[in-house]
Amino acid sequence: MAPQERTRRAAAIQDADGARNELSRALDDAGVLLPSLGLDTVSLASGYLPPLVDLGRCNPGTARKLAGRRGKVVAPPS
């Protein structure tokens, strides 16, 4: 991988990590815990896929909390 591509890849990974942190804080503010929220390791290792945020798994109670919040989601500013 060329240095310029490594720099772009690192920036994309930092962006995904920032998005994961923002989501984690927002969920925490809503009283929702996704214990396995993280970055997708397959996409991080790939030279072709963009880095992805992995929402992971949750218990039924957390799934119901998320379902109850579906009308309260706020879109990020453009």
N, C-alpha and C. Protein backbone atom coordinates (compact mmCIF):
# COMPACT_ATOMS: atom_id res chain seq x y z
N MET A 1 0.85 -1.17 0.00
CA MET A 1 0.00 0.00 0.00
C MET A 1 0.90 1.25 0.00
N ALA A 2 0.59 2.17 -0.87
CA ALA A 2 1.38 3.40 -0.99
C ALA A 2 1.13 4.30 0.22
N PRO A 3 2.11 5.14 0.56
CA PRO A 3 1.96 6.03 1.72
C PRO A 3 0.70 6.89 1.67
N GLN A 4 0.35 7.41 0.50
CA GLN A 4 -0.84 8.25 0.38
C GLN A 4 -2.10 7.44 0.68
N GLU A 5 -2.12 6.21 0.21
CA GLU A 5 -3.28 5.33 0.47
C GLU A 5 -3.35 4.98 1.95
N ARG A 6 -2.20 4.75 2.58
CA ARG A 6 -2.18 4.46 4.03
C ARG A 6 -2.74 5.65 4.82
N THR A 7 -2.40 6.84 4.41
CA THR A 7 -2.90 8.04 5.08
C THR A 7 -4.41 8.15 4.93
N ARG A 8 -4.91 7.89 3.72
CA ARG A 8 -6.37 7.92 3.50
C ARG A 8 -7.06 6.84 4.33
N ARG A 9 -6.46 5.66 4.37
CA ARG A 9 -7.05 4.54 5.12
C ARG A 9 -7.08 4.88 6.61
N ALA A 10 -5.99 5.44 7.13
CA ALA A 10 -5.95 5.79 8.55
C ALA A 10 -7.00 6.85 8.88
N ALA A 11 -7.20 7.80 7.98
CA ALA A 11 -8.22 8.83 8.20
C ALA A 11 -9.62 8.21 8.20
N ALA A 12 -9.86 7.25 7.32
CA ALA A 12 -11.16 6.59 7.26
C ALA A 12 -11.41 5.79 8.54
N ILE A 13 -10.37 5.14 9.05
CA ILE A 13 -10.52 4.37 10.30
C ILE A 13 -10.78 5.32 11.47
N GLN A 14 -10.07 6.44 11.51
CA GLN A 14 -10.30 7.43 12.58
C GLN A 14 -11.73 7.97 12.51
N ASP A 15 -12.23 8.18 11.29
CA ASP A 15 -13.60 8.66 11.13
C ASP A 15 -14.60 7.63 11.65
N ALA A 16 -14.39 6.36 11.32
CA ALA A 16 -15.28 5.30 11.80
C ALA A 16 -15.22 5.20 13.32
N ASP A 17 -14.03 5.35 13.89
CA ASP A 17 -13.88 5.30 15.34
C ASP A 17 -14.61 6.48 15.99
N GLY A 18 -14.50 7.65 15.39
CA GLY A 18 -15.22 8.81 15.90
C GLY A 18 -16.73 8.61 15.84
N ALA A 19 -17.21 8.04 14.75
CA ALA A 19 -18.64 7.77 14.61
C ALA A 19 -19.10 6.76 15.66
N ARG A 20 -18.27 5.74 15.90
CA ARG A 20 -18.61 4.76 16.94
C ARG A 20 -18.69 5.43 18.30
N ASN A 21 -17.75 6.32 18.60
CA ASN A 21 -17.76 7.03 19.88
C ASN A 21 -18.99 7.93 20.02
N GLU A 22 -19.34 8.63 18.95
CA GLU A 22 -20.54 9.48 18.97
C GLU A 22 -21.79 8.64 19.23
N LEU A 23 -21.89 7.50 18.55
CA LEU A 23 -23.04 6.62 18.73
C LEU A 23 -23.07 6.08 20.16
N SER A 24 -21.93 5.70 20.67
CA SER A 24 -21.88 5.18 22.04
C SER A 24 -22.37 6.21 23.05
N ARG A 25 -21.92 7.47 22.89
CA ARG A 25 -22.38 8.54 23.80
C ARG A 25 -23.88 8.77 23.66
N ALA A 26 -24.38 8.80 22.44
CA ALA A 26 -25.81 9.03 22.22
C ALA A 26 -26.64 7.90 22.83
N LEU A 27 -26.18 6.67 22.64
CA LEU A 27 -26.90 5.54 23.23
C LEU A 27 -26.85 5.60 24.75
N ASP A 28 -25.69 5.97 25.28
CA ASP A 28 -25.55 6.09 26.73
C ASP A 28 -26.52 7.15 27.27
N ASP A 29 -26.63 8.28 26.58
CA ASP A 29 -27.57 9.33 26.99
C ASP A 29 -29.00 8.84 26.97
N ALA A 30 -29.29 7.89 26.08
CA ALA A 30 -30.64 7.32 25.98
C ALA A 30 -30.84 6.13 26.90
N GLY A 31 -29.80 5.77 27.66
CA GLY A 31 -29.92 4.65 28.58
C GLY A 31 -29.81 3.30 27.90
N VAL A 32 -29.15 3.25 26.75
CA VAL A 32 -29.02 2.01 25.99
C VAL A 32 -27.55 1.62 25.95
N LEU A 33 -27.26 0.36 26.27
CA LEU A 33 -25.89 -0.15 26.24
C LEU A 33 -25.79 -1.25 25.19
N LEU A 34 -24.90 -1.06 24.23
CA LEU A 34 -24.55 -2.12 23.28
C LEU A 34 -23.14 -2.57 23.64
N PRO A 35 -23.02 -3.65 24.43
CA PRO A 35 -21.72 -4.03 24.96
C PRO A 35 -20.68 -4.40 23.91
N SER A 36 -21.09 -4.83 22.75
CA SER A 36 -20.11 -5.22 21.74
C SER A 36 -20.01 -4.21 20.60
N LEU A 37 -20.44 -2.97 20.85
CA LEU A 37 -20.30 -1.90 19.86
C LEU A 37 -18.82 -1.68 19.59
N GLY A 38 -18.45 -1.70 18.33
CA GLY A 38 -17.03 -1.53 18.01
C GLY A 38 -16.83 -1.34 16.52
N LEU A 39 -15.61 -1.51 16.09
CA LEU A 39 -15.30 -1.44 14.67
C LEU A 39 -15.20 -2.86 14.13
N ASP A 40 -15.70 -3.05 12.93
CA ASP A 40 -15.70 -4.36 12.27
C ASP A 40 -14.29 -4.73 11.85
N THR A 41 -13.76 -5.80 12.42
CA THR A 41 -12.37 -6.17 12.16
C THR A 41 -12.12 -6.59 10.72
N VAL A 42 -13.10 -7.21 10.08
CA VAL A 42 -12.92 -7.62 8.67
C VAL A 42 -12.75 -6.39 7.79
N SER A 43 -13.59 -5.39 8.01
CA SER A 43 -13.48 -4.19 7.17
C SER A 43 -12.20 -3.41 7.48
N LEU A 44 -11.73 -3.47 8.73
CA LEU A 44 -10.48 -2.80 9.07
C LEU A 44 -9.28 -3.45 8.38
N ALA A 45 -9.32 -4.76 8.21
CA ALA A 45 -8.22 -5.49 7.59
C ALA A 45 -8.27 -5.44 6.07
N SER A 46 -9.42 -5.07 5.54
CA SER A 46 -9.60 -5.06 4.09
C SER A 46 -8.98 -3.82 3.46
N GLY A 47 -8.43 -3.99 2.30
CA GLY A 47 -7.95 -2.86 1.53
C GLY A 47 -9.01 -2.32 0.60
N TYR A 48 -10.17 -2.97 0.57
CA TYR A 48 -11.23 -2.61 -0.36
C TYR A 48 -12.49 -2.09 0.32
N LEU A 49 -12.84 -2.69 1.46
CA LEU A 49 -14.05 -2.27 2.17
C LEU A 49 -13.79 -1.02 2.99
N PRO A 50 -14.77 -0.14 3.10
CA PRO A 50 -14.60 1.00 4.02
C PRO A 50 -14.71 0.48 5.46
N PRO A 51 -14.07 1.16 6.42
CA PRO A 51 -14.21 0.74 7.82
C PRO A 51 -15.68 0.87 8.25
N LEU A 52 -16.17 -0.17 8.89
CA LEU A 52 -17.57 -0.21 9.31
C LEU A 52 -17.68 -0.21 10.83
N VAL A 53 -18.75 0.39 11.33
CA VAL A 53 -19.08 0.33 12.75
C VAL A 53 -19.94 -0.92 12.95
N ASP A 54 -19.51 -1.78 13.85
CA ASP A 54 -20.23 -3.01 14.16
C ASP A 54 -21.11 -2.77 15.38
N LEU A 55 -22.42 -2.85 15.20
CA LEU A 55 -23.34 -2.60 16.30
C LEU A 55 -23.37 -3.76 17.28
N GLY A 56 -22.92 -4.92 16.87
CA GLY A 56 -22.81 -6.06 17.77
C GLY A 56 -24.14 -6.68 18.14
N ARG A 57 -24.16 -7.29 19.29
CA ARG A 57 -25.34 -8.00 19.78
C ARG A 57 -25.87 -7.32 21.03
N CYS A 58 -27.14 -7.59 21.31
CA CYS A 58 -27.72 -7.06 22.55
C CYS A 58 -28.78 -8.03 23.04
N ASN A 59 -29.16 -7.85 24.29
CA ASN A 59 -30.20 -8.71 24.86
C ASN A 59 -31.58 -8.19 24.44
N PRO A 60 -32.63 -8.99 24.66
CA PRO A 60 -33.97 -8.57 24.24
C PRO A 60 -34.43 -7.24 24.85
N GLY A 61 -34.06 -6.98 26.10
CA GLY A 61 -34.45 -5.72 26.73
C GLY A 61 -33.85 -4.52 26.02
N THR A 62 -32.59 -4.63 25.63
CA THR A 62 -31.93 -3.55 24.91
C THR A 62 -32.56 -3.38 23.53
N ALA A 63 -32.87 -4.49 22.87
CA ALA A 63 -33.52 -4.41 21.56
C ALA A 63 -34.85 -3.67 21.67
N ARG A 64 -35.59 -3.93 22.74
CA ARG A 64 -36.87 -3.23 22.94
C ARG A 64 -36.66 -1.74 23.22
N LYS A 65 -35.60 -1.41 23.98
CA LYS A 65 -35.29 0.00 24.21
C LYS A 65 -34.99 0.70 22.88
N LEU A 66 -34.20 0.05 22.04
CA LEU A 66 -33.88 0.63 20.73
C LEU A 66 -35.14 0.79 19.89
N ALA A 67 -36.00 -0.20 19.92
CA ALA A 67 -37.25 -0.13 19.15
C ALA A 67 -38.12 1.01 19.67
N GLY A 68 -38.12 1.23 20.97
CA GLY A 68 -38.91 2.31 21.55
C GLY A 68 -38.37 3.69 21.21
N ARG A 69 -37.10 3.77 20.84
CA ARG A 69 -36.47 5.04 20.50
C ARG A 69 -36.53 5.35 19.01
N ARG A 70 -37.13 4.49 18.23
CA ARG A 70 -37.09 4.64 16.77
C ARG A 70 -37.65 5.97 16.28
N GLY A 71 -38.62 6.54 16.95
CA GLY A 71 -39.18 7.81 16.53
C GLY A 71 -38.43 9.02 17.08
N LYS A 72 -37.43 8.75 17.92
CA LYS A 72 -36.71 9.83 18.59
C LYS A 72 -35.30 10.03 18.04
N VAL A 73 -35.01 9.41 16.92
CA VAL A 73 -33.67 9.52 16.32
C VAL A 73 -33.54 10.87 15.65
N VAL A 74 -32.43 11.53 15.87
CA VAL A 74 -32.18 12.84 15.28
C VAL A 74 -31.08 12.70 14.25
N ALA A 75 -31.32 13.20 13.05
CA ALA A 75 -30.32 13.15 12.00
C ALA A 75 -29.20 14.12 12.30
N PRO A 76 -27.96 13.77 11.93
CA PRO A 76 -26.85 14.70 12.15
C PRO A 76 -26.98 15.90 11.25
N PRO A 77 -26.41 17.03 11.67
CA PRO A 77 -26.48 18.24 10.81
C PRO A 77 -25.73 18.00 9.51
N SER A 78 -26.23 18.60 8.45
CA SER A 78 -25.61 18.43 7.14
C SER A 78 -24.43 19.37 6.96
